[in-house]
Amino acid sequence: MLRASLWVPALALALVALTRTDAHAYIDPNTGGYVFQVLFPIISGIAAAFVFCRDGIVKLVRKIFRRPDGK
């Protein structure tokens, strides 16, 4: 059974996926290329920073969430 904290996002996702409304919008074909050109370097930079700093991030998270008795 799903935990209660997962019900709200799952229900919201189901409602969004199952309801349909007309968009009444037009997206220029070149907009997709522009969005890709903007988002790809940002996402790549975040991923590279995470990979580069992964050990430090893991140590920090373990330090924050370690048990008080030192185990």
PDB file of N, CA and C in Angstrom:
ATOM      1  N   MET A   1       0.841  -1.185   0.000  1.00  0.00           N
ATOM      2  CA  MET A   1       0.000   0.000   0.000  1.00  0.00           C
ATOM      3  C   MET A   1       0.881   1.241   0.000  1.00  0.00           C
ATOM      4  N   LEU A   2       0.480   2.212  -0.776  1.00  0.00           N
ATOM      5  CA  LEU A   2       1.234   3.459  -0.836  1.00  0.00           C
ATOM      6  C   LEU A   2       1.110   4.228   0.466  1.00  0.00           C
ATOM      7  N   ARG A   3       2.199   4.880   0.833  1.00  0.00           N
ATOM      8  CA  ARG A   3       2.138   5.720   2.023  1.00  0.00           C
ATOM      9  C   ARG A   3       1.250   6.926   1.749  1.00  0.00           C
ATOM     10  N   ALA A   4       0.755   7.523   2.803  1.00  0.00           N
ATOM     11  CA  ALA A   4      -0.153   8.661   2.665  1.00  0.00           C
ATOM     12  C   ALA A   4       0.523   9.836   1.962  1.00  0.00           C
ATOM     13  N   SER A   5       1.837   9.985   2.140  1.00  0.00           N
ATOM     14  CA  SER A   5       2.524  11.112   1.510  1.00  0.00           C
ATOM     15  C   SER A   5       2.618  10.954  -0.004  1.00  0.00           C
ATOM     16  N   LEU A   6       2.389   9.747  -0.528  1.00  0.00           N
ATOM     17  CA  LEU A   6       2.434   9.530  -1.969  1.00  0.00           C
ATOM     18  C   LEU A   6       1.064   9.655  -2.619  1.00  0.00           C
ATOM     19  N   TRP A   7       0.010   9.650  -1.830  1.00  0.00           N
ATOM     20  CA  TRP A   7      -1.337   9.714  -2.400  1.00  0.00           C
ATOM     21  C   TRP A   7      -1.615  11.043  -3.079  1.00  0.00           C
ATOM     22  N   VAL A   8      -1.227  12.130  -2.461  1.00  0.00           N
ATOM     23  CA  VAL A   8      -1.543  13.450  -3.007  1.00  0.00           C
ATOM     24  C   VAL A   8      -0.864  13.669  -4.360  1.00  0.00           C
ATOM     25  N   PRO A   9       0.459  13.444  -4.487  1.00  0.00           N
ATOM     26  CA  PRO A   9       1.056  13.617  -5.820  1.00  0.00           C
ATOM     27  C   PRO A   9       0.518  12.626  -6.845  1.00  0.00           C
ATOM     28  N   ALA A  10       0.250  11.391  -6.422  1.00  0.00           N
ATOM     29  CA  ALA A  10      -0.281  10.394  -7.358  1.00  0.00           C
ATOM     30  C   ALA A  10      -1.670  10.796  -7.834  1.00  0.00           C
ATOM     31  N   LEU A  11      -2.500  11.283  -6.933  1.00  0.00           N
ATOM     32  CA  LEU A  11      -3.842  11.720  -7.299  1.00  0.00           C
ATOM     33  C   LEU A  11      -3.783  12.948  -8.210  1.00  0.00           C
ATOM     34  N   ALA A  12      -2.900  13.891  -7.899  1.00  0.00           N
ATOM     35  CA  ALA A  12      -2.757  15.083  -8.739  1.00  0.00           C
ATOM     36  C   ALA A  12      -2.277  14.710 -10.137  1.00  0.00           C
ATOM     37  N   LEU A  13      -1.324  13.803 -10.223  1.00  0.00           N
ATOM     38  CA  LEU A  13      -0.830  13.357 -11.525  1.00  0.00           C
ATOM     39  C   LEU A  13      -1.924  12.645 -12.308  1.00  0.00           C
ATOM     40  N   ALA A  14      -2.714  11.825 -11.637  1.00  0.00           N
ATOM     41  CA  ALA A  14      -3.806  11.124 -12.312  1.00  0.00           C
ATOM     42  C   ALA A  14      -4.849  12.116 -12.820  1.00  0.00           C
ATOM     43  N   LEU A  15      -5.181  13.122 -12.022  1.00  0.00           N
ATOM     44  CA  LEU A  15      -6.163  14.116 -12.452  1.00  0.00           C
ATOM     45  C   LEU A  15      -5.663  14.904 -13.655  1.00  0.00           C
ATOM     46  N   VAL A  16      -4.398  15.275 -13.647  1.00  0.00           N
ATOM     47  CA  VAL A  16      -3.838  16.018 -14.775  1.00  0.00           C
ATOM     48  C   VAL A  16      -3.812  15.147 -16.021  1.00  0.00           C
ATOM     49  N   ALA A  17      -3.450  13.881 -15.852  1.00  0.00           N
ATOM     50  CA  ALA A  17      -3.333  12.987 -17.004  1.00  0.00           C
ATOM     51  C   ALA A  17      -4.694  12.612 -17.578  1.00  0.00           C
ATOM     52  N   LEU A  18      -5.715  12.536 -16.744  1.00  0.00           N
ATOM     53  CA  LEU A  18      -7.009  12.047 -17.203  1.00  0.00           C
ATOM     54  C   LEU A  18      -7.977  13.146 -17.629  1.00  0.00           C
ATOM     55  N   THR A  19      -7.690  14.382 -17.294  1.00  0.00           N
ATOM     56  CA  THR A  19      -8.560  15.474 -17.723  1.00  0.00           C
ATOM     57  C   THR A  19      -7.958  16.124 -18.959  1.00  0.00           C
ATOM     58  N   ARG A  20      -8.829  16.529 -19.861  1.00  0.00           N
ATOM     59  CA  ARG A  20      -8.355  17.118 -21.113  1.00  0.00           C
ATOM     60  C   ARG A  20      -9.069  18.439 -21.339  1.00  0.00           C
ATOM     61  N   THR A  21      -8.277  19.440 -21.647  1.00  0.00           N
ATOM     62  CA  THR A  21      -8.835  20.737 -22.021  1.00  0.00           C
ATOM     63  C   THR A  21      -8.114  21.212 -23.276  1.00  0.00           C
ATOM     64  N   ASP A  22      -8.770  22.030 -24.044  1.00  0.00           N
ATOM     65  CA  ASP A  22      -8.161  22.576 -25.244  1.00  0.00           C
ATOM     66  C   ASP A  22      -7.146  23.649 -24.863  1.00  0.00           C
ATOM     67  N   ALA A  23      -6.035  23.678 -25.560  1.00  0.00           N
ATOM     68  CA  ALA A  23      -4.970  24.619 -25.234  1.00  0.00           C
ATOM     69  C   ALA A  23      -5.198  25.986 -25.865  1.00  0.00           C
ATOM     70  N   HIS A  24      -5.766  26.032 -27.070  1.00  0.00           N
ATOM     71  CA  HIS A  24      -5.959  27.286 -27.794  1.00  0.00           C
ATOM     72  C   HIS A  24      -4.650  28.059 -27.887  1.00  0.00           C
ATOM     73  N   ALA A  25      -3.587  27.359 -28.224  1.00  0.00           N
ATOM     74  CA  ALA A  25      -2.277  27.991 -28.299  1.00  0.00           C
ATOM     75  C   ALA A  25      -1.517  27.452 -29.497  1.00  0.00           C
ATOM     76  N   TYR A  26      -0.540  28.228 -29.920  1.00  0.00           N
ATOM     77  CA  TYR A  26       0.321  27.825 -31.024  1.00  0.00           C
ATOM     78  C   TYR A  26       1.762  27.980 -30.572  1.00  0.00           C
ATOM     79  N   ILE A  27       2.541  26.950 -30.792  1.00  0.00           N
ATOM     80  CA  ILE A  27       3.962  27.007 -30.466  1.00  0.00           C
ATOM     81  C   ILE A  27       4.735  26.980 -31.772  1.00  0.00           C
ATOM     82  N   ASP A  28       5.553  27.978 -31.967  1.00  0.00           N
ATOM     83  CA  ASP A  28       6.368  28.056 -33.170  1.00  0.00           C
ATOM     84  C   ASP A  28       7.311  26.854 -33.231  1.00  0.00           C
ATOM     85  N   PRO A  29       7.507  26.257 -34.399  1.00  0.00           N
ATOM     86  CA  PRO A  29       8.384  25.082 -34.504  1.00  0.00           C
ATOM     87  C   PRO A  29       9.815  25.329 -34.020  1.00  0.00           C
ATOM     88  N   ASN A  30      10.308  26.539 -34.152  1.00  0.00           N
ATOM     89  CA  ASN A  30      11.675  26.821 -33.704  1.00  0.00           C
ATOM     90  C   ASN A  30      11.784  26.992 -32.193  1.00  0.00           C
ATOM     91  N   THR A  31      10.662  27.086 -31.514  1.00  0.00           N
ATOM     92  CA  THR A  31      10.691  27.250 -30.066  1.00  0.00           C
ATOM     93  C   THR A  31      11.303  26.035 -29.390  1.00  0.00           C
ATOM     94  N   GLY A  32      11.027  24.852 -29.903  1.00  0.00           N
ATOM     95  CA  GLY A  32      11.593  23.636 -29.316  1.00  0.00           C
ATOM     96  C   GLY A  32      13.108  23.643 -29.356  1.00  0.00           C
ATOM     97  N   GLY A  33      13.673  24.080 -30.464  1.00  0.00           N
ATOM     98  CA  GLY A  33      15.128  24.169 -30.568  1.00  0.00           C
ATOM     99  C   GLY A  33      15.706  25.183 -29.603  1.00  0.00           C
ATOM    100  N   TYR A  34      15.016  26.301 -29.447  1.00  0.00           N
ATOM    101  CA  TYR A  34      15.485  27.328 -28.514  1.00  0.00           C
ATOM    102  C   TYR A  34      15.440  26.819 -27.077  1.00  0.00           C
ATOM    103  N   VAL A  35      14.338  26.176 -26.719  1.00  0.00           N
ATOM    104  CA  VAL A  35      14.206  25.632 -25.364  1.00  0.00           C
ATOM    105  C   VAL A  35      15.309  24.607 -25.111  1.00  0.00           C
ATOM    106  N   PHE A  36      15.569  23.756 -26.097  1.00  0.00           N
ATOM    107  CA  PHE A  36      16.634  22.765 -25.958  1.00  0.00           C
ATOM    108  C   PHE A  36      17.989  23.440 -25.772  1.00  0.00           C
ATOM    109  N   GLN A  37      18.258  24.495 -26.551  1.00  0.00           N
ATOM    110  CA  GLN A  37      19.533  25.199 -26.449  1.00  0.00           C
ATOM    111  C   GLN A  37      19.711  25.865 -25.093  1.00  0.00           C
ATOM    112  N   VAL A  38      18.628  26.256 -24.473  1.00  0.00           N
ATOM    113  CA  VAL A  38      18.715  26.910 -23.166  1.00  0.00           C
ATOM    114  C   VAL A  38      18.806  25.879 -22.046  1.00  0.00           C
ATOM    115  N   LEU A  39      17.962  24.857 -22.089  1.00  0.00           N
ATOM    116  CA  LEU A  39      17.890  23.907 -20.981  1.00  0.00           C
ATOM    117  C   LEU A  39      19.017  22.880 -20.969  1.00  0.00           C
ATOM    118  N   PHE A  40      19.487  22.445 -22.131  1.00  0.00           N
ATOM    119  CA  PHE A  40      20.511  21.407 -22.170  1.00  0.00           C
ATOM    120  C   PHE A  40      21.792  21.816 -21.443  1.00  0.00           C
ATOM    121  N   PRO A  41      22.352  23.008 -21.670  1.00  0.00           N
ATOM    122  CA  PRO A  41      23.566  23.380 -20.925  1.00  0.00           C
ATOM    123  C   PRO A  41      23.322  23.514 -19.420  1.00  0.00           C
ATOM    124  N   ILE A  42      22.139  23.988 -19.050  1.00  0.00           N
ATOM    125  CA  ILE A  42      21.835  24.127 -17.626  1.00  0.00           C
ATOM    126  C   ILE A  42      21.778  22.759 -16.964  1.00  0.00           C
ATOM    127  N   ILE A  43      21.039  21.832 -17.564  1.00  0.00           N
ATOM    128  CA  ILE A  43      20.915  20.485 -17.006  1.00  0.00           C
ATOM    129  C   ILE A  43      22.261  19.773 -17.030  1.00  0.00           C
ATOM    130  N   SER A  44      23.024  19.947 -18.104  1.00  0.00           N
ATOM    131  CA  SER A  44      24.353  19.328 -18.188  1.00  0.00           C
ATOM    132  C   SER A  44      25.286  19.876 -17.112  1.00  0.00           C
ATOM    133  N   GLY A  45      25.222  21.165 -16.872  1.00  0.00           N
ATOM    134  CA  GLY A  45      26.058  21.768 -15.833  1.00  0.00           C
ATOM    135  C   GLY A  45      25.708  21.273 -14.450  1.00  0.00           C
ATOM    136  N   ILE A  46      24.420  21.154 -14.169  1.00  0.00           N
ATOM    137  CA  ILE A  46      23.989  20.638 -12.871  1.00  0.00           C
ATOM    138  C   ILE A  46      24.439  19.191 -12.701  1.00  0.00           C
ATOM    139  N   ALA A  47      24.280  18.380 -13.748  1.00  0.00           N
ATOM    140  CA  ALA A  47      24.700  16.979 -13.682  1.00  0.00           C
ATOM    141  C   ALA A  47      26.212  16.869 -13.501  1.00  0.00           C
ATOM    142  N   ALA A  48      26.975  17.678 -14.226  1.00  0.00           N
ATOM    143  CA  ALA A  48      28.432  17.639 -14.097  1.00  0.00           C
ATOM    144  C   ALA A  48      28.875  18.080 -12.706  1.00  0.00           C
ATOM    145  N   ALA A  49      28.244  19.111 -12.164  1.00  0.00           N
ATOM    146  CA  ALA A  49      28.583  19.565 -10.816  1.00  0.00           C
ATOM    147  C   ALA A  49      28.271  18.487  -9.789  1.00  0.00           C
ATOM    148  N   PHE A  50      27.150  17.797  -9.972  1.00  0.00           N
ATOM    149  CA  PHE A  50      26.798  16.725  -9.042  1.00  0.00           C
ATOM    150  C   PHE A  50      27.811  15.593  -9.115  1.00  0.00           C
ATOM    151  N   VAL A  51      28.188  15.186 -10.336  1.00  0.00           N
ATOM    152  CA  VAL A  51      29.160  14.097 -10.490  1.00  0.00           C
ATOM    153  C   VAL A  51      30.514  14.517  -9.910  1.00  0.00           C
ATOM    154  N   PHE A  52      30.906  15.743 -10.147  1.00  0.00           N
ATOM    155  CA  PHE A  52      32.191  16.235  -9.655  1.00  0.00           C
ATOM    156  C   PHE A  52      32.209  16.309  -8.131  1.00  0.00           C
ATOM    157  N   CYS A  53      31.092  16.698  -7.533  1.00  0.00           N
ATOM    158  CA  CYS A  53      31.016  16.893  -6.082  1.00  0.00           C
ATOM    159  C   CYS A  53      30.285  15.758  -5.371  1.00  0.00           C
ATOM    160  N   ARG A  54      30.079  14.640  -6.030  1.00  0.00           N
ATOM    161  CA  ARG A  54      29.268  13.557  -5.475  1.00  0.00           C
ATOM    162  C   ARG A  54      29.784  13.073  -4.125  1.00  0.00           C
ATOM    163  N   ASP A  55      31.087  12.852  -3.990  1.00  0.00           N
ATOM    164  CA  ASP A  55      31.628  12.355  -2.727  1.00  0.00           C
ATOM    165  C   ASP A  55      31.383  13.345  -1.591  1.00  0.00           C
ATOM    166  N   GLY A  56      31.594  14.611  -1.860  1.00  0.00           N
ATOM    167  CA  GLY A  56      31.344  15.623  -0.837  1.00  0.00           C
ATOM    168  C   GLY A  56      29.882  15.712  -0.454  1.00  0.00           C
ATOM    169  N   ILE A  57      28.999  15.583  -1.445  1.00  0.00           N
ATOM    170  CA  ILE A  57      27.563  15.632  -1.172  1.00  0.00           C
ATOM    171  C   ILE A  57      27.144  14.433  -0.334  1.00  0.00           C
ATOM    172  N   VAL A  58      27.652  13.245  -0.672  1.00  0.00           N
ATOM    173  CA  VAL A  58      27.312  12.034   0.084  1.00  0.00           C
ATOM    174  C   VAL A  58      27.813  12.151   1.517  1.00  0.00           C
ATOM    175  N   LYS A  59      29.034  12.635   1.708  1.00  0.00           N
ATOM    176  CA  LYS A  59      29.570  12.802   3.061  1.00  0.00           C
ATOM    177  C   LYS A  59      28.744  13.802   3.859  1.00  0.00           C
ATOM    178  N   LEU A  60      28.337  14.898   3.225  1.00  0.00           N
ATOM    179  CA  LEU A  60      27.534  15.905   3.908  1.00  0.00           C
ATOM    180  C   LEU A  60      26.181  15.348   4.320  1.00  0.00           C
ATOM    181  N   VAL A  61      25.529  14.615   3.427  1.00  0.00           N
ATOM    182  CA  VAL A  61      24.220  14.041   3.742  1.00  0.00           C
ATOM    183  C   VAL A  61      24.351  13.013   4.860  1.00  0.00           C
ATOM    184  N   ARG A  62      25.386  12.184   4.814  1.00  0.00           N
ATOM    185  CA  ARG A  62      25.596  11.201   5.888  1.00  0.00           C
ATOM    186  C   ARG A  62      25.878  11.892   7.211  1.00  0.00           C
ATOM    187  N   LYS A  63      26.619  12.992   7.176  1.00  0.00           N
ATOM    188  CA  LYS A  63      26.920  13.731   8.399  1.00  0.00           C
ATOM    189  C   LYS A  63      25.651  14.342   8.988  1.00  0.00           C
ATOM    190  N   ILE A  64      24.785  14.852   8.128  1.00  0.00           N
ATOM    191  CA  ILE A  64      23.548  15.476   8.602  1.00  0.00           C
ATOM    192  C   ILE A  64      22.589  14.439   9.170  1.00  0.00           C
ATOM    193  N   PHE A  65      22.468  13.290   8.498  1.00  0.00           N
ATOM    194  CA  PHE A  65      21.463  12.308   8.880  1.00  0.00           C
ATOM    195  C   PHE A  65      22.021  11.115   9.655  1.00  0.00           C
ATOM    196  N   ARG A  66      23.215  11.226  10.213  1.00  0.00           N
ATOM    197  CA  ARG A  66      23.751  10.096  10.974  1.00  0.00           C
ATOM    198  C   ARG A  66      23.051   9.990  12.319  1.00  0.00           C
ATOM    199  N   ARG A  67      23.171   8.820  12.883  1.00  0.00           N
ATOM    200  CA  ARG A  67      22.539   8.580  14.186  1.00  0.00           C
ATOM    201  C   ARG A  67      23.329   9.296  15.273  1.00  0.00           C
ATOM    202  N   PRO A  68      22.648   9.736  16.314  1.00  0.00           N
ATOM    203  CA  PRO A  68      23.337  10.465  17.388  1.00  0.00           C
ATOM    204  C   PRO A  68      24.381   9.628  18.121  1.00  0.00           C
ATOM    205  N   ASP A  69      24.227   8.295  18.145  1.00  0.00           N
ATOM    206  CA  ASP A  69      25.169   7.458  18.883  1.00  0.00           C
ATOM    207  C   ASP A  69      26.458   7.202  18.107  1.00  0.00           C
ATOM    208  N   GLY A  70      26.589   7.753  16.897  1.00  0.00           N
ATOM    209  CA  GLY A  70      27.810   7.645  16.127  1.00  0.00           C
ATOM    210  C   GLY A  70      27.887   6.444  15.219  1.00  0.00           C
ATOM    211  N   LYS A  71      26.853   5.662  15.126  1.00  0.00           N
ATOM    212  CA  LYS A  71      26.863   4.478  14.263  1.00  0.00           C
ATOM    213  C   LYS A  71      26.535   4.850  12.851  1.00  0.00           C
TER     214      LYS A  71
END
